[in-house]
Amino acid sequence: MNFTYLLECADGTLYCGWTNNLEKRLAAHERGAGSKYTRARLPVRLVWHEAFETKSEAMRREATVKRLSRREKEALIARFSAAESEGT
């Protein structure tokens, strides 16, 4: 399984990435080894993710999400949070 994800950094900024192991990647970000961007903005919090069968699908989704405006990313996070709280 491959994932595209958004992290909220301590300074309120959002970071988008993709991985084939979400738990391991989050742990790396939390250790300050995930990316140069998040290293300077710890702690980070996972606020959204989507699963994909292939690496290329996850990478395409990452590129799409990175092009979204802040408002569009916040809407994506809100929909994800609502679905999570409903248990879907």
N, C-alpha and C. Protein backbone atom coordinates (compact mmCIF):
# COMPACT_ATOMS: atom_id res chain seq x y z
N MET A 1 0.84 -1.18 0.00
CA MET A 1 0.00 0.00 0.00
C MET A 1 0.89 1.24 0.00
N ASN A 2 0.45 2.27 -0.70
CA ASN A 2 1.16 3.54 -0.80
C ASN A 2 0.23 4.64 -0.32
N PHE A 3 0.81 5.68 0.23
CA PHE A 3 0.01 6.74 0.85
C PHE A 3 0.48 8.12 0.43
N THR A 4 -0.46 9.02 0.28
CA THR A 4 -0.19 10.45 0.19
C THR A 4 -0.72 11.03 1.49
N TYR A 5 0.02 11.96 2.08
CA TYR A 5 -0.35 12.46 3.40
C TYR A 5 -0.06 13.94 3.56
N LEU A 6 -0.75 14.54 4.52
CA LEU A 6 -0.50 15.93 4.91
C LEU A 6 -0.18 15.96 6.39
N LEU A 7 0.85 16.70 6.74
CA LEU A 7 1.20 16.94 8.13
C LEU A 7 0.98 18.41 8.44
N GLU A 8 0.52 18.67 9.65
CA GLU A 8 0.47 20.04 10.13
C GLU A 8 1.69 20.23 11.02
N CYS A 9 2.49 21.22 10.70
CA CYS A 9 3.71 21.50 11.46
C CYS A 9 3.40 22.42 12.64
N ALA A 10 4.34 22.49 13.56
CA ALA A 10 4.16 23.30 14.77
C ALA A 10 3.88 24.77 14.44
N ASP A 11 4.41 25.26 13.32
CA ASP A 11 4.19 26.66 12.95
C ASP A 11 2.90 26.87 12.16
N GLY A 12 2.09 25.79 12.02
CA GLY A 12 0.82 25.89 11.34
C GLY A 12 0.87 25.63 9.84
N THR A 13 2.07 25.46 9.29
CA THR A 13 2.17 25.17 7.87
C THR A 13 1.82 23.70 7.60
N LEU A 14 1.55 23.41 6.34
CA LEU A 14 1.20 22.04 5.94
C LEU A 14 2.31 21.47 5.06
N TYR A 15 2.61 20.20 5.26
CA TYR A 15 3.62 19.50 4.48
C TYR A 15 2.95 18.31 3.81
N CYS A 16 3.15 18.13 2.52
CA CYS A 16 2.58 17.01 1.78
C CYS A 16 3.69 16.09 1.32
N GLY A 17 3.46 14.79 1.44
CA GLY A 17 4.42 13.80 0.97
C GLY A 17 3.73 12.51 0.60
N TRP A 18 4.53 11.54 0.19
CA TRP A 18 4.01 10.20 -0.10
C TRP A 18 4.98 9.18 0.48
N THR A 19 4.48 7.99 0.73
CA THR A 19 5.30 6.93 1.30
C THR A 19 4.65 5.58 1.05
N ASN A 20 5.43 4.52 1.19
CA ASN A 20 4.85 3.18 1.11
C ASN A 20 4.75 2.56 2.50
N ASN A 21 5.12 3.32 3.54
CA ASN A 21 5.01 2.85 4.92
C ASN A 21 4.69 4.07 5.79
N LEU A 22 3.42 4.33 6.01
CA LEU A 22 3.00 5.55 6.69
C LEU A 22 3.52 5.63 8.12
N GLU A 23 3.41 4.55 8.88
CA GLU A 23 3.88 4.58 10.27
C GLU A 23 5.37 4.88 10.36
N LYS A 24 6.16 4.22 9.52
CA LYS A 24 7.61 4.44 9.52
C LYS A 24 7.95 5.87 9.12
N ARG A 25 7.25 6.38 8.12
CA ARG A 25 7.51 7.74 7.64
C ARG A 25 7.14 8.78 8.71
N LEU A 26 6.02 8.57 9.39
CA LEU A 26 5.64 9.49 10.47
C LEU A 26 6.66 9.48 11.58
N ALA A 27 7.15 8.29 11.93
CA ALA A 27 8.17 8.18 12.97
C ALA A 27 9.44 8.93 12.56
N ALA A 28 9.80 8.82 11.29
CA ALA A 28 10.98 9.55 10.79
C ALA A 28 10.77 11.05 10.90
N HIS A 29 9.60 11.54 10.51
CA HIS A 29 9.30 12.97 10.64
C HIS A 29 9.40 13.39 12.11
N GLU A 30 8.84 12.60 13.01
CA GLU A 30 8.85 12.94 14.43
C GLU A 30 10.27 12.97 15.01
N ARG A 31 11.17 12.16 14.47
CA ARG A 31 12.57 12.15 14.89
C ARG A 31 13.37 13.29 14.27
N GLY A 32 12.76 13.99 13.32
CA GLY A 32 13.48 15.05 12.62
C GLY A 32 14.25 14.53 11.42
N ALA A 33 13.97 13.30 11.02
CA ALA A 33 14.67 12.69 9.89
C ALA A 33 13.78 12.53 8.67
N GLY A 34 12.55 13.03 8.72
CA GLY A 34 11.62 12.85 7.62
C GLY A 34 11.88 13.75 6.44
N SER A 35 12.15 15.01 6.70
CA SER A 35 12.46 15.96 5.63
C SER A 35 13.09 17.20 6.26
N LYS A 36 13.83 17.91 5.44
CA LYS A 36 14.47 19.14 5.91
C LYS A 36 13.41 20.16 6.34
N TYR A 37 12.30 20.20 5.58
CA TYR A 37 11.23 21.17 5.89
C TYR A 37 10.63 20.91 7.26
N THR A 38 10.25 19.67 7.54
CA THR A 38 9.58 19.39 8.81
C THR A 38 10.56 19.38 9.98
N ARG A 39 11.81 19.08 9.73
CA ARG A 39 12.82 19.04 10.81
C ARG A 39 12.85 20.35 11.59
N ALA A 40 12.69 21.45 10.89
CA ALA A 40 12.74 22.77 11.52
C ALA A 40 11.39 23.21 12.08
N ARG A 41 10.36 22.35 11.93
CA ARG A 41 9.00 22.75 12.33
C ARG A 41 8.33 21.70 13.21
N LEU A 42 9.10 21.03 14.02
CA LEU A 42 8.55 19.99 14.91
C LEU A 42 7.84 20.61 16.09
N PRO A 43 6.86 19.93 16.64
CA PRO A 43 6.35 18.61 16.25
C PRO A 43 5.39 18.73 15.07
N VAL A 44 5.15 17.59 14.43
CA VAL A 44 4.21 17.52 13.32
C VAL A 44 3.06 16.58 13.71
N ARG A 45 1.94 16.76 13.01
CA ARG A 45 0.74 15.96 13.29
C ARG A 45 0.12 15.55 11.97
N LEU A 46 -0.17 14.26 11.83
CA LEU A 46 -0.84 13.76 10.63
C LEU A 46 -2.28 14.26 10.64
N VAL A 47 -2.67 14.96 9.57
CA VAL A 47 -4.02 15.52 9.50
C VAL A 47 -4.85 14.96 8.34
N TRP A 48 -4.20 14.24 7.42
CA TRP A 48 -4.91 13.67 6.28
C TRP A 48 -4.03 12.64 5.61
N HIS A 49 -4.66 11.60 5.09
CA HIS A 49 -3.94 10.64 4.24
C HIS A 49 -4.93 9.89 3.35
N GLU A 50 -4.42 9.40 2.23
CA GLU A 50 -5.18 8.55 1.31
C GLU A 50 -4.28 7.39 0.93
N ALA A 51 -4.89 6.23 0.75
CA ALA A 51 -4.15 5.02 0.37
C ALA A 51 -4.33 4.74 -1.12
N PHE A 52 -3.27 4.20 -1.73
CA PHE A 52 -3.27 3.86 -3.15
C PHE A 52 -2.59 2.52 -3.35
N GLU A 53 -2.98 1.85 -4.41
CA GLU A 53 -2.37 0.55 -4.74
C GLU A 53 -0.94 0.71 -5.25
N THR A 54 -0.69 1.76 -6.01
CA THR A 54 0.63 1.90 -6.63
C THR A 54 1.35 3.17 -6.19
N LYS A 55 2.66 3.11 -6.31
CA LYS A 55 3.51 4.26 -6.01
C LYS A 55 3.17 5.43 -6.94
N SER A 56 2.96 5.14 -8.22
CA SER A 56 2.69 6.22 -9.17
C SER A 56 1.38 6.94 -8.85
N GLU A 57 0.37 6.21 -8.39
CA GLU A 57 -0.89 6.86 -8.00
C GLU A 57 -0.66 7.79 -6.81
N ALA A 58 0.09 7.33 -5.83
CA ALA A 58 0.37 8.16 -4.65
C ALA A 58 1.18 9.39 -5.02
N MET A 59 2.14 9.22 -5.90
CA MET A 59 2.97 10.35 -6.33
C MET A 59 2.15 11.37 -7.13
N ARG A 60 1.24 10.87 -7.98
CA ARG A 60 0.37 11.79 -8.74
C ARG A 60 -0.54 12.57 -7.80
N ARG A 61 -1.07 11.88 -6.79
CA ARG A 61 -1.95 12.56 -5.83
C ARG A 61 -1.16 13.59 -5.03
N GLU A 62 0.07 13.27 -4.67
CA GLU A 62 0.92 14.24 -3.96
C GLU A 62 1.09 15.50 -4.80
N ALA A 63 1.38 15.33 -6.07
CA ALA A 63 1.57 16.49 -6.96
C ALA A 63 0.29 17.31 -7.04
N THR A 64 -0.84 16.65 -7.11
CA THR A 64 -2.13 17.34 -7.17
C THR A 64 -2.39 18.12 -5.89
N VAL A 65 -2.17 17.48 -4.74
CA VAL A 65 -2.43 18.12 -3.45
C VAL A 65 -1.50 19.31 -3.25
N LYS A 66 -0.25 19.18 -3.66
CA LYS A 66 0.70 20.29 -3.51
C LYS A 66 0.26 21.52 -4.29
N ARG A 67 -0.49 21.32 -5.38
CA ARG A 67 -0.97 22.46 -6.18
C ARG A 67 -2.22 23.10 -5.61
N LEU A 68 -2.86 22.46 -4.63
CA LEU A 68 -4.07 23.02 -4.03
C LEU A 68 -3.72 24.26 -3.20
N SER A 69 -4.68 25.15 -3.09
CA SER A 69 -4.51 26.32 -2.23
C SER A 69 -4.61 25.88 -0.77
N ARG A 70 -4.20 26.73 0.12
CA ARG A 70 -4.31 26.44 1.56
C ARG A 70 -5.78 26.13 1.91
N ARG A 71 -6.69 26.94 1.41
CA ARG A 71 -8.12 26.75 1.69
C ARG A 71 -8.59 25.39 1.19
N GLU A 72 -8.16 24.99 0.01
CA GLU A 72 -8.55 23.68 -0.54
C GLU A 72 -7.97 22.54 0.29
N LYS A 73 -6.74 22.69 0.75
CA LYS A 73 -6.14 21.67 1.62
C LYS A 73 -6.89 21.58 2.94
N GLU A 74 -7.28 22.71 3.49
CA GLU A 74 -8.04 22.71 4.74
C GLU A 74 -9.40 22.02 4.56
N ALA A 75 -10.02 22.21 3.40
CA ALA A 75 -11.29 21.54 3.11
C ALA A 75 -11.09 20.03 3.01
N LEU A 76 -10.00 19.62 2.40
CA LEU A 76 -9.65 18.20 2.30
C LEU A 76 -9.48 17.60 3.69
N ILE A 77 -8.78 18.31 4.55
CA ILE A 77 -8.55 17.87 5.94
C ILE A 77 -9.88 17.78 6.69
N ALA A 78 -10.74 18.78 6.51
CA ALA A 78 -12.04 18.80 7.20
C ALA A 78 -12.90 17.61 6.78
N ARG A 79 -12.93 17.31 5.48
CA ARG A 79 -13.70 16.15 5.00
C ARG A 79 -13.13 14.86 5.57
N PHE A 80 -11.82 14.75 5.61
CA PHE A 80 -11.16 13.56 6.15
C PHE A 80 -11.48 13.40 7.63
N SER A 81 -11.41 14.50 8.38
CA SER A 81 -11.69 14.46 9.82
C SER A 81 -13.12 14.06 10.08
N ALA A 82 -14.04 14.58 9.28
CA ALA A 82 -15.46 14.24 9.45
C ALA A 82 -15.68 12.76 9.15
N ALA A 83 -15.05 12.24 8.11
CA ALA A 83 -15.20 10.83 7.78
C ALA A 83 -14.58 9.95 8.86
N GLU A 84 -13.45 10.36 9.40
CA GLU A 84 -12.79 9.60 10.47
C GLU A 84 -13.67 9.55 11.72
N SER A 85 -14.31 10.67 12.05
CA SER A 85 -15.13 10.71 13.26
C SER A 85 -16.41 9.90 13.08
N GLU A 86 -16.84 9.71 11.81
CA GLU A 86 -18.01 8.87 11.53
C GLU A 86 -17.62 7.40 11.46
N GLY A 87 -16.32 7.14 11.43
CA GLY A 87 -15.85 5.76 11.38
C GLY A 87 -15.82 5.16 10.00
N THR A 88 -15.77 6.02 8.96
CA THR A 88 -15.74 5.49 7.59
C THR A 88 -14.38 5.64 6.99
